[in-house]
């Protein structure tokens, strides 16, 4: 096998590894999107209060 053939084989292997990694990342992101977020990191209230409680307002909500 000459150098050109080795380079071609290595490039193909590298491309296959990139594709495999991208597919793994995409699968992980799809799984992450399935769970509910139990907290509101941005501080805006969008839910329904439990037990007839009123939502608290932070200074950044004003």
PDB file of N, CA and C in Angstrom:
ATOM      1  N   UNK A   1       0.857  -1.178   0.000  1.00  0.00           N
ATOM      2  CA  UNK A   1       0.000   0.000   0.000  1.00  0.00           C
ATOM      3  C   UNK A   1       0.900   1.238   0.000  1.00  0.00           C
ATOM      4  N   UNK A   2       0.684   2.105  -0.931  1.00  0.00           N
ATOM      5  CA  UNK A   2       1.503   3.312  -0.989  1.00  0.00           C
ATOM      6  C   UNK A   2       0.946   4.401  -0.068  1.00  0.00           C
ATOM      7  N   UNK A   3       1.673   5.499   0.012  1.00  0.00           N
ATOM      8  CA  UNK A   3       1.318   6.574   0.944  1.00  0.00           C
ATOM      9  C   UNK A   3      -0.044   7.183   0.627  1.00  0.00           C
ATOM     10  N   UNK A   4      -0.356   7.331  -0.636  1.00  0.00           N
ATOM     11  CA  UNK A   4      -1.632   7.915  -1.030  1.00  0.00           C
ATOM     12  C   UNK A   4      -2.807   7.033  -0.583  1.00  0.00           C
ATOM     13  N   UNK A   5      -2.660   5.738  -0.737  1.00  0.00           N
ATOM     14  CA  UNK A   5      -3.716   4.808  -0.300  1.00  0.00           C
ATOM     15  C   UNK A   5      -3.862   4.826   1.217  1.00  0.00           C
ATOM     16  N   UNK A   6      -2.756   4.907   1.940  1.00  0.00           N
ATOM     17  CA  UNK A   6      -2.820   4.975   3.413  1.00  0.00           C
ATOM     18  C   UNK A   6      -3.515   6.258   3.853  1.00  0.00           C
ATOM     19  N   UNK A   7      -3.176   7.375   3.207  1.00  0.00           N
ATOM     20  CA  UNK A   7      -3.820   8.647   3.548  1.00  0.00           C
ATOM     21  C   UNK A   7      -5.317   8.581   3.288  1.00  0.00           C
ATOM     22  N   UNK A   8      -5.704   7.987   2.166  1.00  0.00           N
ATOM     23  CA  UNK A   8      -7.119   7.859   1.840  1.00  0.00           C
ATOM     24  C   UNK A   8      -7.840   6.999   2.888  1.00  0.00           C
ATOM     25  N   UNK A   9      -7.213   5.895   3.275  1.00  0.00           N
ATOM     26  CA  UNK A   9      -7.801   5.002   4.288  1.00  0.00           C
ATOM     27  C   UNK A   9      -7.915   5.725   5.631  1.00  0.00           C
ATOM     28  N   UNK A  10      -6.884   6.468   6.015  1.00  0.00           N
ATOM     29  CA  UNK A  10      -6.911   7.207   7.283  1.00  0.00           C
ATOM     30  C   UNK A  10      -7.980   8.298   7.259  1.00  0.00           C
ATOM     31  N   UNK A  11      -8.106   8.990   6.124  1.00  0.00           N
ATOM     32  CA  UNK A  11      -9.131  10.024   6.013  1.00  0.00           C
ATOM     33  C   UNK A  11     -10.530   9.438   6.137  1.00  0.00           C
ATOM     34  N   UNK A  12     -10.735   8.280   5.512  1.00  0.00           N
ATOM     35  CA  UNK A  12     -12.041   7.625   5.579  1.00  0.00           C
ATOM     36  C   UNK A  12     -12.341   7.186   7.011  1.00  0.00           C
ATOM     37  N   UNK A  13     -11.345   6.627   7.686  1.00  0.00           N
ATOM     38  CA  UNK A  13     -11.515   6.203   9.078  1.00  0.00           C
ATOM     39  C   UNK A  13     -11.832   7.407   9.965  1.00  0.00           C
ATOM     40  N   UNK A  14     -11.115   8.504   9.755  1.00  0.00           N
ATOM     41  CA  UNK A  14     -11.346   9.726  10.538  1.00  0.00           C
ATOM     42  C   UNK A  14     -12.755  10.260  10.295  1.00  0.00           C
ATOM     43  N   UNK A  15     -13.216  10.236   9.060  1.00  0.00           N
ATOM     44  CA  UNK A  15     -14.569  10.693   8.734  1.00  0.00           C
ATOM     45  C   UNK A  15     -15.614   9.819   9.404  1.00  0.00           C
ATOM     46  N   UNK A  16     -15.405   8.506   9.390  1.00  0.00           N
ATOM     47  CA  UNK A  16     -16.344   7.590  10.037  1.00  0.00           C
ATOM     48  C   UNK A  16     -16.401   7.829  11.543  1.00  0.00           C
ATOM     49  N   UNK A  17     -15.250   8.117  12.140  1.00  0.00           N
ATOM     50  CA  UNK A  17     -15.223   8.398  13.582  1.00  0.00           C
ATOM     51  C   UNK A  17     -15.978   9.690  13.888  1.00  0.00           C
ATOM     52  N   UNK A  18     -15.827  10.712  13.036  1.00  0.00           N
ATOM     53  CA  UNK A  18     -16.547  11.975  13.234  1.00  0.00           C
ATOM     54  C   UNK A  18     -18.056  11.751  13.148  1.00  0.00           C
ATOM     55  N   UNK A  19     -18.484  10.992  12.144  1.00  0.00           N
ATOM     56  CA  UNK A  19     -19.914  10.720  11.970  1.00  0.00           C
ATOM     57  C   UNK A  19     -20.460   9.979  13.183  1.00  0.00           C
ATOM     58  N   UNK A  20     -19.716   8.989  13.666  1.00  0.00           N
ATOM     59  CA  UNK A  20     -20.148   8.226  14.836  1.00  0.00           C
ATOM     60  C   UNK A  20     -20.275   9.131  16.059  1.00  0.00           C
ATOM     61  N   UNK A  21     -19.308  10.036  16.234  1.00  0.00           N
ATOM     62  CA  UNK A  21     -19.345  10.949  17.376  1.00  0.00           C
ATOM     63  C   UNK A  21     -20.527  11.914  17.278  1.00  0.00           C
ATOM     64  N   UNK A  22     -20.774  12.431  16.086  1.00  0.00           N
ATOM     65  CA  UNK A  22     -21.905  13.346  15.886  1.00  0.00           C
ATOM     66  C   UNK A  22     -23.219  12.644  16.170  1.00  0.00           C
ATOM     67  N   UNK A  23     -23.352  11.399  15.735  1.00  0.00           N
ATOM     68  CA  UNK A  23     -24.581  10.646  15.998  1.00  0.00           C
ATOM     69  C   UNK A  23     -24.769  10.419  17.488  1.00  0.00           C
ATOM     70  N   UNK A  24     -23.684  10.136  18.208  1.00  0.00           N
ATOM     71  CA  UNK A  24     -23.778   9.952  19.662  1.00  0.00           C
ATOM     72  C   UNK A  24     -24.204  11.241  20.357  1.00  0.00           C
ATOM     73  N   UNK A  25     -23.648  12.364  19.929  1.00  0.00           N
ATOM     74  CA  UNK A  25     -24.013  13.651  20.519  1.00  0.00           C
ATOM     75  C   UNK A  25     -25.477  13.967  20.242  1.00  0.00           C
ATOM     76  N   UNK A  26     -25.932  13.720  19.011  1.00  0.00           N
ATOM     77  CA  UNK A  26     -27.326  13.979  18.657  1.00  0.00           C
ATOM     78  C   UNK A  26     -28.271  13.114  19.488  1.00  0.00           C
ATOM     79  N   UNK A  27     -27.915  11.848  19.694  1.00  0.00           N
ATOM     80  CA  UNK A  27     -28.753  10.958  20.503  1.00  0.00           C
ATOM     81  C   UNK A  27     -28.818  11.455  21.947  1.00  0.00           C
ATOM     82  N   UNK A  28     -27.706  11.913  22.471  1.00  0.00           N
ATOM     83  CA  UNK A  28     -27.679  12.427  23.839  1.00  0.00           C
ATOM     84  C   UNK A  28     -28.554  13.667  23.958  1.00  0.00           C
ATOM     85  N   UNK A  29     -28.481  14.569  22.988  1.00  0.00           N
ATOM     86  CA  UNK A  29     -29.306  15.776  23.029  1.00  0.00           C
ATOM     87  C   UNK A  29     -30.794  15.444  22.947  1.00  0.00           C
ATOM     88  N   UNK A  30     -31.153  14.460  22.123  1.00  0.00           N
ATOM     89  CA  UNK A  30     -32.570  14.053  22.045  1.00  0.00           C
ATOM     90  C   UNK A  30     -33.047  13.511  23.383  1.00  0.00           C
ATOM     91  N   UNK A  31     -32.216  12.724  24.064  1.00  0.00           N
ATOM     92  CA  UNK A  31     -32.590  12.172  25.370  1.00  0.00           C
ATOM     93  C   UNK A  31     -32.726  13.273  26.412  1.00  0.00           C
ATOM     94  N   UNK A  32     -31.835  14.259  26.355  1.00  0.00           N
ATOM     95  CA  UNK A  32     -31.880  15.349  27.332  1.00  0.00           C
ATOM     96  C   UNK A  32     -33.158  16.163  27.188  1.00  0.00           C
ATOM     97  N   UNK A  33     -33.690  16.263  26.008  1.00  0.00           N
ATOM     98  CA  UNK A  33     -34.868  17.072  25.740  1.00  0.00           C
ATOM     99  C   UNK A  33     -36.155  16.403  26.225  1.00  0.00           C
ATOM    100  N   UNK A  34     -36.081  15.177  26.700  1.00  0.00           N
ATOM    101  CA  UNK A  34     -37.273  14.440  27.094  1.00  0.00           C
ATOM    102  C   UNK A  34     -37.691  14.695  28.543  1.00  0.00           C
ATOM    103  N   UNK A  35     -36.765  15.120  29.373  1.00  0.00           N
ATOM    104  CA  UNK A  35     -37.070  15.293  30.795  1.00  0.00           C
ATOM    105  C   UNK A  35     -37.677  16.669  31.050  1.00  0.00           C
ATOM    106  N   UNK A  36     -38.527  16.724  32.074  1.00  0.00           N
ATOM    107  CA  UNK A  36     -39.105  18.009  32.478  1.00  0.00           C
ATOM    108  C   UNK A  36     -38.091  18.789  33.293  1.00  0.00           C
ATOM    109  N   UNK A  37     -38.130  20.074  33.185  1.00  0.00           N
ATOM    110  CA  UNK A  37     -37.260  20.930  33.979  1.00  0.00           C
ATOM    111  C   UNK A  37     -38.028  21.319  35.235  1.00  0.00           C
ATOM    112  N   UNK A  38     -37.501  20.937  36.391  1.00  0.00           N
ATOM    113  CA  UNK A  38     -38.227  21.179  37.639  1.00  0.00           C
ATOM    114  C   UNK A  38     -37.972  22.573  38.206  1.00  0.00           C
ATOM    115  N   UNK A  39     -37.002  23.284  37.688  1.00  0.00           N
ATOM    116  CA  UNK A  39     -36.737  24.634  38.172  1.00  0.00           C
ATOM    117  C   UNK A  39     -36.738  25.608  37.008  1.00  0.00           C
ATOM    118  N   UNK A  40     -36.870  26.852  37.319  1.00  0.00           N
ATOM    119  CA  UNK A  40     -36.923  27.899  36.312  1.00  0.00           C
ATOM    120  C   UNK A  40     -35.657  28.730  36.438  1.00  0.00           C
ATOM    121  N   UNK A  41     -34.667  28.427  35.627  1.00  0.00           N
ATOM    122  CA  UNK A  41     -33.371  29.068  35.782  1.00  0.00           C
ATOM    123  C   UNK A  41     -33.368  30.525  35.351  1.00  0.00           C
ATOM    124  N   UNK A  42     -34.324  30.942  34.550  1.00  0.00           N
ATOM    125  CA  UNK A  42     -34.353  32.322  34.093  1.00  0.00           C
ATOM    126  C   UNK A  42     -35.183  33.220  35.008  1.00  0.00           C
ATOM    127  N   UNK A  43     -35.917  32.641  35.956  1.00  0.00           N
ATOM    128  CA  UNK A  43     -36.648  33.419  36.932  1.00  0.00           C
ATOM    129  C   UNK A  43     -38.013  33.885  36.484  1.00  0.00           C
ATOM    130  N   UNK A  44     -38.503  33.427  35.353  1.00  0.00           N
ATOM    131  CA  UNK A  44     -39.848  33.823  34.930  1.00  0.00           C
ATOM    132  C   UNK A  44     -40.827  32.726  35.320  1.00  0.00           C
ATOM    133  N   UNK A  45     -41.972  33.109  35.806  1.00  0.00           N
ATOM    134  CA  UNK A  45     -42.960  32.137  36.273  1.00  0.00           C
ATOM    135  C   UNK A  45     -43.899  31.778  35.138  1.00  0.00           C
ATOM    136  N   UNK A  46     -43.951  30.505  34.805  1.00  0.00           N
ATOM    137  CA  UNK A  46     -44.821  30.063  33.707  1.00  0.00           C
ATOM    138  C   UNK A  46     -45.707  28.896  34.098  1.00  0.00           C
ATOM    139  N   UNK A  47     -45.589  28.400  35.339  1.00  0.00           N
ATOM    140  CA  UNK A  47     -46.318  27.202  35.741  1.00  0.00           C
ATOM    141  C   UNK A  47     -47.603  27.487  36.482  1.00  0.00           C
ATOM    142  N   UNK A  48     -48.131  26.459  37.094  1.00  0.00           N
ATOM    143  CA  UNK A  48     -49.351  26.540  37.886  1.00  0.00           C
ATOM    144  C   UNK A  48     -48.972  26.303  39.340  1.00  0.00           C
ATOM    145  N   UNK A  49     -49.436  27.158  40.262  1.00  0.00           N
ATOM    146  CA  UNK A  49     -49.057  26.966  41.660  1.00  0.00           C
ATOM    147  C   UNK A  49     -49.674  25.691  42.248  1.00  0.00           C
ATOM    148  N   UNK A  50     -48.949  25.085  43.164  1.00  0.00           N
ATOM    149  CA  UNK A  50     -49.458  23.907  43.857  1.00  0.00           C
ATOM    150  C   UNK A  50     -50.090  24.357  45.173  1.00  0.00           C
ATOM    151  N   UNK A  51     -51.132  23.698  45.588  1.00  0.00           N
ATOM    152  CA  UNK A  51     -51.808  23.988  46.866  1.00  0.00           C
ATOM    153  C   UNK A  51     -52.217  25.453  46.974  1.00  0.00           C
ATOM    154  N   UNK A  52     -52.622  26.056  45.887  1.00  0.00           N
ATOM    155  CA  UNK A  52     -53.122  27.429  45.839  1.00  0.00           C
ATOM    156  C   UNK A  52     -52.112  28.455  46.353  1.00  0.00           C
ATOM    157  N   UNK A  53     -50.823  28.170  46.194  1.00  0.00           N
ATOM    158  CA  UNK A  53     -49.788  29.124  46.602  1.00  0.00           C
ATOM    159  C   UNK A  53     -49.638  30.203  45.545  1.00  0.00           C
ATOM    160  N   UNK A  54     -49.145  31.358  45.977  1.00  0.00           N
ATOM    161  CA  UNK A  54     -48.836  32.420  45.026  1.00  0.00           C
ATOM    162  C   UNK A  54     -47.347  32.342  44.676  1.00  0.00           C
ATOM    163  N   UNK A  55     -47.006  32.619  43.418  1.00  0.00           N
ATOM    164  CA  UNK A  55     -45.587  32.577  43.051  1.00  0.00           C
ATOM    165  C   UNK A  55     -44.829  33.741  43.680  1.00  0.00           C
ATOM    166  N   UNK A  56     -43.562  33.496  44.010  1.00  0.00           N
ATOM    167  CA  UNK A  56     -42.721  34.553  44.567  1.00  0.00           C
ATOM    168  C   UNK A  56     -42.092  35.326  43.424  1.00  0.00           C
ATOM    169  N   UNK A  57     -41.918  36.631  43.635  1.00  0.00           N
ATOM    170  CA  UNK A  57     -41.239  37.446  42.636  1.00  0.00           C
ATOM    171  C   UNK A  57     -39.861  37.824  43.140  1.00  0.00           C
ATOM    172  N   UNK A  58     -38.885  37.610  42.276  1.00  0.00           N
ATOM    173  CA  UNK A  58     -37.515  38.024  42.594  1.00  0.00           C
ATOM    174  C   UNK A  58     -37.312  39.445  42.060  1.00  0.00           C
ATOM    175  N   UNK A  59     -36.195  40.062  42.441  1.00  0.00           N
ATOM    176  CA  UNK A  59     -35.893  41.411  41.970  1.00  0.00           C
ATOM    177  C   UNK A  59     -35.736  41.449  40.461  1.00  0.00           C
ATOM    178  N   UNK A  60     -35.269  40.366  39.866  1.00  0.00           N
ATOM    179  CA  UNK A  60     -35.070  40.377  38.405  1.00  0.00           C
ATOM    180  C   UNK A  60     -36.381  40.217  37.646  1.00  0.00           C
ATOM    181  N   UNK A  61     -37.480  39.941  38.330  1.00  0.00           N
ATOM    182  CA  UNK A  61     -38.795  39.813  37.678  1.00  0.00           C
ATOM    183  C   UNK A  61     -39.493  41.169  37.511  1.00  0.00           C
ATOM    184  N   UNK A  62     -38.973  42.179  38.161  1.00  0.00           N
ATOM    185  CA  UNK A  62     -39.636  43.480  38.146  1.00  0.00           C
ATOM    186  C   UNK A  62     -39.318  44.284  36.912  1.00  0.00           C
TER     187      UNK A  62
END
